[in-house]
Amino acid sequence: MASLRKNLRDDPRLSAFSDAFDPDLLNRKIEEAEKSNVNQDDVSAAISGFYFNKVYKEFYHKLKGIIKKEILTIGEIEELIISNCNRVYLCIRNEANKKAYEQMRANGGDFLSTTYQNIKVKGATGEVSAVDGLENHIRVAML
């Protein structure tokens, strides 16, 4: 079986940022993953898909309204999306760096790069992996 994360990335029916998103299929994949002891970060990323699909639909609907009114050009909208992704990246990086420093101090100065990958940051749905948070915002920018 392909990894859950690979499926999330490659199958448009599992991508929260796709019109082909299938919440029933995602539910089945999450259940399969939980039964086979898949990495919990991958399961968390999959679960966040339900929230991000709602955000995607709302964003898409609002964006269509803005474009119809011709308030902003497509280029200006792209700039706003990129600016927002940059802001989120800086916020996540800042919080992750603070937590990394706290962990380093708690461990007597020792810090491994793998520790950084396991840092959780506050997201819209609670604590998420910093890596997952960044991946999701990059996907939004790629739309």
C-alpha atoms as a PDB file:
ATOM      1  CA  MET A   1       0.000   0.000   0.000  1.00  0.00           C
ATOM      2  CA  ALA A   2       1.317   3.443  -0.926  1.00  0.00           C
ATOM      3  CA  SER A   3       2.027   5.733   1.984  1.00  0.00           C
ATOM      4  CA  LEU A   4      -0.823   7.875   3.205  1.00  0.00           C
ATOM      5  CA  ARG A   5       1.192  11.059   2.676  1.00  0.00           C
ATOM      6  CA  LYS A   6       1.970  10.047  -0.934  1.00  0.00           C
ATOM      7  CA  ASN A   7      -1.723   9.378  -1.549  1.00  0.00           C
ATOM      8  CA  LEU A   8      -2.644  12.769  -0.095  1.00  0.00           C
ATOM      9  CA  ARG A   9      -0.148  14.445  -2.387  1.00  0.00           C
ATOM     10  CA  ASP A  10      -0.845  12.507  -5.592  1.00  0.00           C
ATOM     11  CA  ASP A  11      -4.567  11.625  -5.585  1.00  0.00           C
ATOM     12  CA  PRO A  12      -6.799  14.638  -6.362  1.00  0.00           C
ATOM     13  CA  ARG A  13      -9.708  12.876  -4.635  1.00  0.00           C
ATOM     14  CA  LEU A  14      -7.715  13.115  -1.370  1.00  0.00           C
ATOM     15  CA  SER A  15      -6.469  16.674  -1.903  1.00  0.00           C
ATOM     16  CA  ALA A  16      -8.393  19.207   0.151  1.00  0.00           C
ATOM     17  CA  PHE A  17      -7.565  21.796  -2.518  1.00  0.00           C
ATOM     18  CA  SER A  18      -9.220  19.964  -5.391  1.00  0.00           C
ATOM     19  CA  ASP A  19     -12.731  20.049  -6.783  1.00  0.00           C
ATOM     20  CA  ALA A  20     -12.452  16.249  -6.988  1.00  0.00           C
ATOM     21  CA  PHE A  21     -12.027  15.974  -3.175  1.00  0.00           C
ATOM     22  CA  ASP A  22     -13.930  12.942  -1.838  1.00  0.00           C
ATOM     23  CA  PRO A  23     -14.429  13.090   1.950  1.00  0.00           C
ATOM     24  CA  ASP A  24     -15.757   9.503   2.058  1.00  0.00           C
ATOM     25  CA  LEU A  25     -12.613   8.186   0.374  1.00  0.00           C
ATOM     26  CA  LEU A  26     -10.460  10.224   2.748  1.00  0.00           C
ATOM     27  CA  ASN A  27     -12.344   8.758   5.717  1.00  0.00           C
ATOM     28  CA  ARG A  28     -11.685   5.234   4.435  1.00  0.00           C
ATOM     29  CA  LYS A  29      -7.982   5.969   3.905  1.00  0.00           C
ATOM     30  CA  ILE A  30      -7.692   7.403   7.438  1.00  0.00           C
ATOM     31  CA  GLU A  31      -9.392   4.320   8.915  1.00  0.00           C
ATOM     32  CA  GLU A  32      -7.046   2.023   6.949  1.00  0.00           C
ATOM     33  CA  ALA A  33      -4.025   4.026   8.089  1.00  0.00           C
ATOM     34  CA  GLU A  34      -5.069   3.921  11.748  1.00  0.00           C
ATOM     35  CA  LYS A  35      -5.481   0.135  11.569  1.00  0.00           C
ATOM     36  CA  SER A  36      -2.027  -0.304  10.050  1.00  0.00           C
ATOM     37  CA  ASN A  37      -0.220   1.969  12.546  1.00  0.00           C
ATOM     38  CA  VAL A  38       0.811   4.599  10.007  1.00  0.00           C
ATOM     39  CA  ASN A  39       2.836   7.604  11.190  1.00  0.00           C
ATOM     40  CA  GLN A  40       0.526   9.764  13.327  1.00  0.00           C
ATOM     41  CA  ASP A  41       1.718  12.961  11.605  1.00  0.00           C
ATOM     42  CA  ASP A  42       0.450  11.542   8.300  1.00  0.00           C
ATOM     43  CA  VAL A  43      -2.912  10.749   9.883  1.00  0.00           C
ATOM     44  CA  SER A  44      -3.074  14.273  11.350  1.00  0.00           C
ATOM     45  CA  ALA A  45      -2.314  15.747   7.929  1.00  0.00           C
ATOM     46  CA  ALA A  46      -5.105  13.645   6.417  1.00  0.00           C
ATOM     47  CA  ILE A  47      -7.608  14.677   9.103  1.00  0.00           C
ATOM     48  CA  SER A  48      -6.778  18.343   8.518  1.00  0.00           C
ATOM     49  CA  GLY A  49      -7.941  17.834   4.925  1.00  0.00           C
ATOM     50  CA  PHE A  50     -11.585  18.120   5.983  1.00  0.00           C
ATOM     51  CA  TYR A  51     -10.973  21.566   7.475  1.00  0.00           C
ATOM     52  CA  PHE A  52      -8.815  22.754   4.583  1.00  0.00           C
ATOM     53  CA  ASN A  53     -11.422  21.643   2.039  1.00  0.00           C
ATOM     54  CA  LYS A  54     -14.002  23.870   3.751  1.00  0.00           C
ATOM     55  CA  VAL A  55     -11.513  26.750   3.720  1.00  0.00           C
ATOM     56  CA  TYR A  56     -10.716  26.055   0.057  1.00  0.00           C
ATOM     57  CA  LYS A  57     -14.395  26.130  -0.931  1.00  0.00           C
ATOM     58  CA  GLU A  58     -15.049  29.310   1.040  1.00  0.00           C
ATOM     59  CA  PHE A  59     -11.931  30.968  -0.349  1.00  0.00           C
ATOM     60  CA  TYR A  60     -12.802  29.896  -3.897  1.00  0.00           C
ATOM     61  CA  HIS A  61     -16.353  31.257  -3.555  1.00  0.00           C
ATOM     62  CA  LYS A  62     -15.138  34.608  -2.194  1.00  0.00           C
ATOM     63  CA  LEU A  63     -12.422  34.825  -4.810  1.00  0.00           C
ATOM     64  CA  LYS A  64     -14.946  34.311  -7.609  1.00  0.00           C
ATOM     65  CA  GLY A  65     -17.012  37.170  -6.175  1.00  0.00           C
ATOM     66  CA  ILE A  66     -13.998  39.461  -6.031  1.00  0.00           C
ATOM     67  CA  ILE A  67     -12.930  38.644  -9.577  1.00  0.00           C
ATOM     68  CA  LYS A  68     -16.459  39.237 -10.890  1.00  0.00           C
ATOM     69  CA  LYS A  69     -16.451  42.700  -9.330  1.00  0.00           C
ATOM     70  CA  GLU A  70     -13.056  43.366 -10.930  1.00  0.00           C
ATOM     71  CA  ILE A  71     -11.733  44.929  -7.748  1.00  0.00           C
ATOM     72  CA  LEU A  72      -8.387  43.211  -8.129  1.00  0.00           C
ATOM     73  CA  THR A  73      -6.492  41.878 -11.103  1.00  0.00           C
ATOM     74  CA  ILE A  74      -5.417  38.237 -11.235  1.00  0.00           C
ATOM     75  CA  GLY A  75      -1.827  39.393 -10.648  1.00  0.00           C
ATOM     76  CA  GLU A  76      -2.839  41.319  -7.526  1.00  0.00           C
ATOM     77  CA  ILE A  77      -4.715  38.290  -6.201  1.00  0.00           C
ATOM     78  CA  GLU A  78      -1.658  36.117  -6.815  1.00  0.00           C
ATOM     79  CA  GLU A  79       0.478  38.643  -4.922  1.00  0.00           C
ATOM     80  CA  LEU A  80      -1.944  38.602  -1.987  1.00  0.00           C
ATOM     81  CA  ILE A  81      -1.924  34.798  -1.858  1.00  0.00           C
ATOM     82  CA  ILE A  82       1.878  34.689  -1.967  1.00  0.00           C
ATOM     83  CA  SER A  83       2.070  37.406   0.694  1.00  0.00           C
ATOM     84  CA  ASN A  84      -0.262  35.440   2.936  1.00  0.00           C
ATOM     85  CA  CYS A  85       1.773  32.261   2.466  1.00  0.00           C
ATOM     86  CA  ASN A  86       4.953  34.174   3.283  1.00  0.00           C
ATOM     87  CA  ARG A  87       3.330  35.560   6.442  1.00  0.00           C
ATOM     88  CA  VAL A  88       2.201  32.104   7.543  1.00  0.00           C
ATOM     89  CA  TYR A  89       5.672  30.725   6.820  1.00  0.00           C
ATOM     90  CA  LEU A  90       7.283  33.430   8.964  1.00  0.00           C
ATOM     91  CA  CYS A  91       4.799  32.841  11.807  1.00  0.00           C
ATOM     92  CA  ILE A  92       5.346  29.073  11.749  1.00  0.00           C
ATOM     93  CA  ARG A  93       9.114  29.465  11.498  1.00  0.00           C
ATOM     94  CA  ASN A  94       9.156  31.921  14.389  1.00  0.00           C
ATOM     95  CA  GLU A  95       7.100  29.646  16.645  1.00  0.00           C
ATOM     96  CA  ALA A  96       9.093  26.562  15.620  1.00  0.00           C
ATOM     97  CA  ASN A  97      12.397  28.341  16.308  1.00  0.00           C
ATOM     98  CA  LYS A  98      11.194  29.380  19.775  1.00  0.00           C
ATOM     99  CA  LYS A  99      10.175  25.810  20.569  1.00  0.00           C
ATOM    100  CA  ALA A 100      13.451  24.466  19.170  1.00  0.00           C
ATOM    101  CA  TYR A 101      15.409  26.842  21.390  1.00  0.00           C
ATOM    102  CA  GLU A 102      13.330  25.800  24.418  1.00  0.00           C
ATOM    103  CA  GLN A 103      14.012  22.128  23.661  1.00  0.00           C
ATOM    104  CA  MET A 104      17.699  22.784  23.179  1.00  0.00           C
ATOM    105  CA  ARG A 105      17.911  24.538  26.564  1.00  0.00           C
ATOM    106  CA  ALA A 106      15.961  21.716  28.225  1.00  0.00           C
ATOM    107  CA  ASN A 107      18.385  19.157  26.735  1.00  0.00           C
ATOM    108  CA  GLY A 108      21.537  20.894  27.881  1.00  0.00           C
ATOM    109  CA  GLY A 109      22.348  22.379  24.491  1.00  0.00           C
ATOM    110  CA  ASP A 110      21.795  19.225  22.436  1.00  0.00           C
ATOM    111  CA  PHE A 111      19.523  19.608  19.429  1.00  0.00           C
ATOM    112  CA  LEU A 112      19.052  17.265  16.505  1.00  0.00           C
ATOM    113  CA  SER A 113      17.587  18.273  13.142  1.00  0.00           C
ATOM    114  CA  THR A 114      15.030  15.482  13.510  1.00  0.00           C
ATOM    115  CA  THR A 115      13.758  17.199  16.654  1.00  0.00           C
ATOM    116  CA  TYR A 116      12.880  20.246  14.546  1.00  0.00           C
ATOM    117  CA  GLN A 117      10.708  18.086  12.278  1.00  0.00           C
ATOM    118  CA  ASN A 118       8.675  16.912  15.268  1.00  0.00           C
ATOM    119  CA  ILE A 119       7.850  20.400  16.529  1.00  0.00           C
ATOM    120  CA  LYS A 120       4.143  21.182  16.677  1.00  0.00           C
ATOM    121  CA  VAL A 121       2.713  24.651  16.088  1.00  0.00           C
ATOM    122  CA  LYS A 122      -0.730  26.092  16.665  1.00  0.00           C
ATOM    123  CA  GLY A 123      -2.939  25.733  13.624  1.00  0.00           C
ATOM    124  CA  ALA A 124      -6.563  26.417  12.824  1.00  0.00           C
ATOM    125  CA  THR A 125      -7.495  22.886  13.913  1.00  0.00           C
ATOM    126  CA  GLY A 126      -5.228  22.712  16.963  1.00  0.00           C
ATOM    127  CA  GLU A 127      -1.597  21.685  17.109  1.00  0.00           C
ATOM    128  CA  VAL A 128      -0.150  20.440  13.830  1.00  0.00           C
ATOM    129  CA  SER A 129       3.291  19.487  12.664  1.00  0.00           C
ATOM    130  CA  ALA A 130       5.203  22.589  11.525  1.00  0.00           C
ATOM    131  CA  VAL A 131       6.086  20.732   8.328  1.00  0.00           C
ATOM    132  CA  ASP A 132       2.402  19.942   7.613  1.00  0.00           C
ATOM    133  CA  GLY A 133       1.409  23.543   8.224  1.00  0.00           C
ATOM    134  CA  LEU A 134       3.937  24.786   5.701  1.00  0.00           C
ATOM    135  CA  GLU A 135       3.021  22.121   3.133  1.00  0.00           C
ATOM    136  CA  ASN A 136      -0.649  23.071   3.266  1.00  0.00           C
ATOM    137  CA  HIS A 137       0.062  26.770   2.694  1.00  0.00           C
ATOM    138  CA  ILE A 138       2.380  25.978  -0.191  1.00  0.00           C
ATOM    139  CA  ARG A 139      -0.459  23.968  -1.768  1.00  0.00           C
ATOM    140  CA  VAL A 140      -2.783  26.962  -1.450  1.00  0.00           C
ATOM    141  CA  ALA A 141      -0.246  29.157  -3.225  1.00  0.00           C
ATOM    142  CA  MET A 142       0.060  26.601  -6.030  1.00  0.00           C
ATOM    143  CA  LEU A 143      -3.651  26.772  -6.825  1.00  0.00           C
END
